[in-house]
PDB file of N, CA and C in Angstrom:
ATOM      1  N   MET A   1     115.382 117.866 114.054  1.00  0.00           N
ATOM      2  CA  MET A   1     115.642 118.504 113.053  1.00  0.00           C
ATOM      3  C   MET A   1     116.708 118.060 111.761  1.00  0.00           C
ATOM      4  N   SER A   2     117.713 117.475 112.176  1.00  0.00           N
ATOM      5  CA  SER A   2     118.622 116.721 111.156  1.00  0.00           C
ATOM      6  C   SER A   2     117.987 115.878 110.501  1.00  0.00           C
ATOM      7  N   THR A   3     117.212 114.977 111.077  1.00  0.00           N
ATOM      8  CA  THR A   3     116.480 113.706 110.534  1.00  0.00           C
ATOM      9  C   THR A   3     115.582 114.449 109.302  1.00  0.00           C
ATOM     10  N   ILE A   4     115.013 115.479 109.563  1.00  0.00           N
ATOM     11  CA  ILE A   4     114.075 116.085 108.525  1.00  0.00           C
ATOM     12  C   ILE A   4     114.886 116.453 107.182  1.00  0.00           C
ATOM     13  N   VAL A   5     116.171 117.036 107.553  1.00  0.00           N
ATOM     14  CA  VAL A   5     116.800 117.247 106.341  1.00  0.00           C
ATOM     15  C   VAL A   5     117.708 116.082 105.808  1.00  0.00           C
ATOM     16  N   ILE A   6     117.795 115.065 106.579  1.00  0.00           N
ATOM     17  CA  ILE A   6     118.330 113.857 105.861  1.00  0.00           C
ATOM     18  C   ILE A   6     117.382 113.259 105.037  1.00  0.00           C
ATOM     19  N   ASP A   7     116.130 113.280 105.647  1.00  0.00           N
ATOM     20  CA  ASP A   7     114.851 112.528 104.648  1.00  0.00           C
ATOM     21  C   ASP A   7     114.855 113.519 103.371  1.00  0.00           C
ATOM     22  N   THR A   8     114.970 114.634 103.557  1.00  0.00           N
ATOM     23  CA  THR A   8     114.516 115.514 102.306  1.00  0.00           C
ATOM     24  C   THR A   8     115.561 115.337 101.380  1.00  0.00           C
ATOM     25  N   LEU A   9     116.856 115.238 101.913  1.00  0.00           N
ATOM     26  CA  LEU A   9     117.978 114.805 100.877  1.00  0.00           C
ATOM     27  C   LEU A   9     117.854 113.752 100.447  1.00  0.00           C
ATOM     28  N   ARG A  10     117.517 112.523 101.122  1.00  0.00           N
ATOM     29  CA  ARG A  10     117.313 111.402 100.191  1.00  0.00           C
ATOM     30  C   ARG A  10     116.175 111.264  99.582  1.00  0.00           C
ATOM     31  N   GLU A  11     115.210 111.795  99.608  1.00  0.00           N
ATOM     32  CA  GLU A  11     114.079 112.148  98.724  1.00  0.00           C
ATOM     33  C   GLU A  11     114.669 112.570  97.496  1.00  0.00           C
ATOM     34  N   SER A  12     115.319 113.633  97.614  1.00  0.00           N
ATOM     35  CA  SER A  12     115.830 114.517  96.615  1.00  0.00           C
ATOM     36  C   SER A  12     116.695 113.605  95.669  1.00  0.00           C
ATOM     37  N   GLU A  13     117.530 112.784  96.310  1.00  0.00           N
ATOM     38  CA  GLU A  13     118.609 111.900  95.534  1.00  0.00           C
ATOM     39  C   GLU A  13     117.784 111.038  94.855  1.00  0.00           C
ATOM     40  N   LEU A  14     116.821 110.369  95.625  1.00  0.00           N
ATOM     41  CA  LEU A  14     116.008 109.213  94.789  1.00  0.00           C
ATOM     42  C   LEU A  14     115.271 109.857  93.509  1.00  0.00           C
ATOM     43  N   ARG A  15     114.792 111.025  93.642  1.00  0.00           N
ATOM     44  CA  ARG A  15     113.950 111.692  92.433  1.00  0.00           C
ATOM     45  C   ARG A  15     115.089 111.827  91.335  1.00  0.00           C
ATOM     46  N   LEU A  16     116.399 112.393  91.721  1.00  0.00           N
ATOM     47  CA  LEU A  16     117.496 112.461  90.911  1.00  0.00           C
ATOM     48  C   LEU A  16     117.780 111.174  89.995  1.00  0.00           C
ATOM     49  N   GLU A  17     117.969 110.358  90.865  1.00  0.00           N
ATOM     50  CA  GLU A  17     118.382 108.992  90.362  1.00  0.00           C
ATOM     51  C   GLU A  17     116.974 108.254  89.334  1.00  0.00           C
ATOM     52  N   VAL A  18     116.014 108.705  89.671  1.00  0.00           N
ATOM     53  CA  VAL A  18     114.880 108.358  88.851  1.00  0.00           C
ATOM     54  C   VAL A  18     114.950 109.281  87.607  1.00  0.00           C
ATOM     55  N   ARG A  19     115.340 110.382  87.693  1.00  0.00           N
ATOM     56  CA  ARG A  19     115.504 111.299  86.349  1.00  0.00           C
ATOM     57  C   ARG A  19     116.754 110.888  85.458  1.00  0.00           C
ATOM     58  N   ILE A  20     117.658 110.340  86.121  1.00  0.00           N
ATOM     59  CA  ILE A  20     118.704 110.091  85.357  1.00  0.00           C
ATOM     60  C   ILE A  20     118.446 108.806  84.403  1.00  0.00           C
ATOM     61  N   ALA A  21     117.838 108.008  85.390  1.00  0.00           N
ATOM     62  CA  ALA A  21     117.461 106.596  84.711  1.00  0.00           C
ATOM     63  C   ALA A  21     116.487 106.692  83.501  1.00  0.00           C
ATOM     64  N   GLU A  22     115.517 108.002  83.436  1.00  0.00           N
ATOM     65  CA  GLU A  22     114.761 108.228  82.463  1.00  0.00           C
ATOM     66  C   GLU A  22     115.291 108.779  81.388  1.00  0.00           C
ATOM     67  N   ALA A  23     116.533 109.695  81.657  1.00  0.00           N
ATOM     68  CA  ALA A  23     117.244 110.243  80.633  1.00  0.00           C
ATOM     69  C   ALA A  23     118.192 109.115  79.779  1.00  0.00           C
ATOM     70  N   LYS A  24     118.622 108.353  80.656  1.00  0.00           N
ATOM     71  CA  LYS A  24     119.515 106.985  79.920  1.00  0.00           C
ATOM     72  C   LYS A  24     118.656 106.429  79.032  1.00  0.00           C
ATOM     73  N   THR A  25     117.326 106.097  79.503  1.00  0.00           N
ATOM     74  CA  THR A  25     116.517 105.490  78.443  1.00  0.00           C
ATOM     75  C   THR A  25     115.898 106.169  77.252  1.00  0.00           C
ATOM     76  N   GLU A  26     115.898 107.394  77.526  1.00  0.00           N
ATOM     77  CA  GLU A  26     115.396 108.347  76.320  1.00  0.00           C
ATOM     78  C   GLU A  26     116.595 108.270  75.585  1.00  0.00           C
ATOM     79  N   LEU A  27     117.896 108.552  75.782  1.00  0.00           N
ATOM     80  CA  LEU A  27     119.204 108.712  74.950  1.00  0.00           C
ATOM     81  C   LEU A  27     119.339 107.378  74.366  1.00  0.00           C
ATOM     82  N   THR A  28     119.166 106.360  75.143  1.00  0.00           N
ATOM     83  CA  THR A  28     119.321 104.865  74.385  1.00  0.00           C
ATOM     84  C   THR A  28     118.285 104.966  73.234  1.00  0.00           C
ATOM     85  N   ARG A  29     117.068 105.326  73.279  1.00  0.00           N
ATOM     86  CA  ARG A  29     116.096 105.114  72.412  1.00  0.00           C
ATOM     87  C   ARG A  29     116.362 105.980  70.995  1.00  0.00           C
ATOM     88  N   TRP A  30     117.088 107.201  71.573  1.00  0.00           N
ATOM     89  CA  TRP A  30     117.311 108.183  70.208  1.00  0.00           C
ATOM     90  C   TRP A  30     118.555 107.460  69.468  1.00  0.00           C
ATOM     91  N   VAL A  31     119.623 106.839  70.094  1.00  0.00           N
ATOM     92  CA  VAL A  31     120.618 106.444  69.552  1.00  0.00           C
ATOM     93  C   VAL A  31     120.411 105.179  68.665  1.00  0.00           C
ATOM     94  N   ILE A  32     119.408 104.326  69.426  1.00  0.00           N
ATOM     95  CA  ILE A  32     119.108 103.150  68.470  1.00  0.00           C
ATOM     96  C   ILE A  32     118.212 103.560  67.217  1.00  0.00           C
ATOM     97  N   GLY A  33     117.399 104.440  67.391  1.00  0.00           N
ATOM     98  CA  GLY A  33     116.575 104.985  66.400  1.00  0.00           C
ATOM     99  C   GLY A  33     117.347 105.590  65.343  1.00  0.00           C
ATOM    100  N   ALA A  34     118.511 106.379  65.646  1.00  0.00           N
ATOM    101  CA  ALA A  34     119.424 107.150  64.663  1.00  0.00           C
ATOM    102  C   ALA A  34     120.199 106.086  63.982  1.00  0.00           C
ATOM    103  N   GLY A  35     120.523 105.036  64.395  1.00  0.00           N
ATOM    104  CA  GLY A  35     121.271 103.656  63.851  1.00  0.00           C
ATOM    105  C   GLY A  35     120.438 103.127  62.981  1.00  0.00           C
ATOM    106  N   VAL A  36     119.213 103.138  63.357  1.00  0.00           N
ATOM    107  CA  VAL A  36     118.345 102.376  62.307  1.00  0.00           C
ATOM    108  C   VAL A  36     117.936 102.986  61.105  1.00  0.00           C
ATOM    109  N   LEU A  37     117.832 104.445  61.405  1.00  0.00           N
ATOM    110  CA  LEU A  37     117.727 105.416  60.240  1.00  0.00           C
ATOM    111  C   LEU A  37     119.026 105.529  59.461  1.00  0.00           C
ATOM    112  N   GLN A  38     120.074 105.441  60.020  1.00  0.00           N
ATOM    113  CA  GLN A  38     121.567 105.348  59.244  1.00  0.00           C
ATOM    114  C   GLN A  38     121.571 104.346  58.365  1.00  0.00           C
ATOM    115  N   THR A  39     121.047 102.948  58.920  1.00  0.00           N
ATOM    116  CA  THR A  39     121.132 102.020  58.127  1.00  0.00           C
ATOM    117  C   THR A  39     120.307 101.689  56.997  1.00  0.00           C
ATOM    118  N   THR A  40     118.857 102.244  57.385  1.00  0.00           N
ATOM    119  CA  THR A  40     117.980 102.355  55.967  1.00  0.00           C
ATOM    120  C   THR A  40     118.608 103.222  54.905  1.00  0.00           C
ATOM    121  N   VAL A  41     118.975 104.344  55.380  1.00  0.00           N
ATOM    122  CA  VAL A  41     119.486 105.368  54.261  1.00  0.00           C
ATOM    123  C   VAL A  41     120.698 104.681  53.466  1.00  0.00           C
ATOM    124  N   ILE A  42     121.543 103.731  54.106  1.00  0.00           N
ATOM    125  CA  ILE A  42     122.719 103.250  53.530  1.00  0.00           C
ATOM    126  C   ILE A  42     122.319 102.256  52.518  1.00  0.00           C
ATOM    127  N   ILE A  43     121.361 101.363  53.207  1.00  0.00           N
ATOM    128  CA  ILE A  43     120.843 100.300  52.330  1.00  0.00           C
ATOM    129  C   ILE A  43     120.112 100.894  51.003  1.00  0.00           C
ATOM    130  N   GLY A  44     119.592 102.124  51.274  1.00  0.00           N
ATOM    131  CA  GLY A  44     118.602 102.669  50.181  1.00  0.00           C
ATOM    132  C   GLY A  44     119.443 103.151  49.013  1.00  0.00           C
ATOM    133  N   VAL A  45     120.545 103.831  49.407  1.00  0.00           N
ATOM    134  CA  VAL A  45     121.520 104.288  48.679  1.00  0.00           C
ATOM    135  C   VAL A  45     122.372 103.054  47.789  1.00  0.00           C
ATOM    136  N   LEU A  46     122.570 102.236  48.548  1.00  0.00           N
ATOM    137  CA  LEU A  46     123.266 101.115  47.717  1.00  0.00           C
ATOM    138  C   LEU A  46     122.533 100.347  46.835  1.00  0.00           C
ATOM    139  N   MET A  47     121.076 100.152  47.287  1.00  0.00           N
ATOM    140  CA  MET A  47     120.294  99.609  46.065  1.00  0.00           C
ATOM    141  C   MET A  47     120.063 100.466  44.900  1.00  0.00           C
ATOM    142  N   LYS A  48     120.048 101.709  45.215  1.00  0.00           N
ATOM    143  CA  LYS A  48     120.010 102.715  44.081  1.00  0.00           C
ATOM    144  C   LYS A  48     121.394 102.577  43.309  1.00  0.00           C
ATOM    145  N   VAL A  49     122.387 102.636  43.843  1.00  0.00           N
ATOM    146  CA  VAL A  49     123.622 102.501  43.230  1.00  0.00           C
ATOM    147  C   VAL A  49     123.859 101.262  42.326  1.00  0.00           C
ATOM    148  N   ALA A  50     123.168 100.132  43.107  1.00  0.00           N
ATOM    149  CA  ALA A  50     123.250  98.801  42.273  1.00  0.00           C
ATOM    150  C   ALA A  50     122.410  98.779  41.011  1.00  0.00           C
ATOM    151  N   LYS A  51     121.413  99.507  41.221  1.00  0.00           N
ATOM    152  CA  LYS A  51     120.308  99.726  39.952  1.00  0.00           C
ATOM    153  C   LYS A  51     121.087 100.440  38.757  1.00  0.00           C
ATOM    154  N   MET A  52     121.999 101.301  38.940  1.00  0.00           N
ATOM    155  CA  MET A  52     122.480 102.182  38.050  1.00  0.00           C
ATOM    156  C   MET A  52     123.746 101.486  37.532  1.00  0.00           C
ATOM    157  N   VAL A  53     124.390 100.653  38.213  1.00  0.00           N
ATOM    158  CA  VAL A  53     125.313  99.797  37.583  1.00  0.00           C
ATOM    159  C   VAL A  53     125.032  98.778  36.505  1.00  0.00           C
TER     160      VAL A  53
END
């Protein structure tokens, strides 16, 4: 009986580890995307300001 419980807990732990890894990957993707977007906006604003001067 206890072997079944231990196996079930281990399977649950492995599934959680996979979900955590997927969440980390998704978060990294969003952070990099936001950084690229910010950089693009800043460059665009600087180019616009440079044309005004």
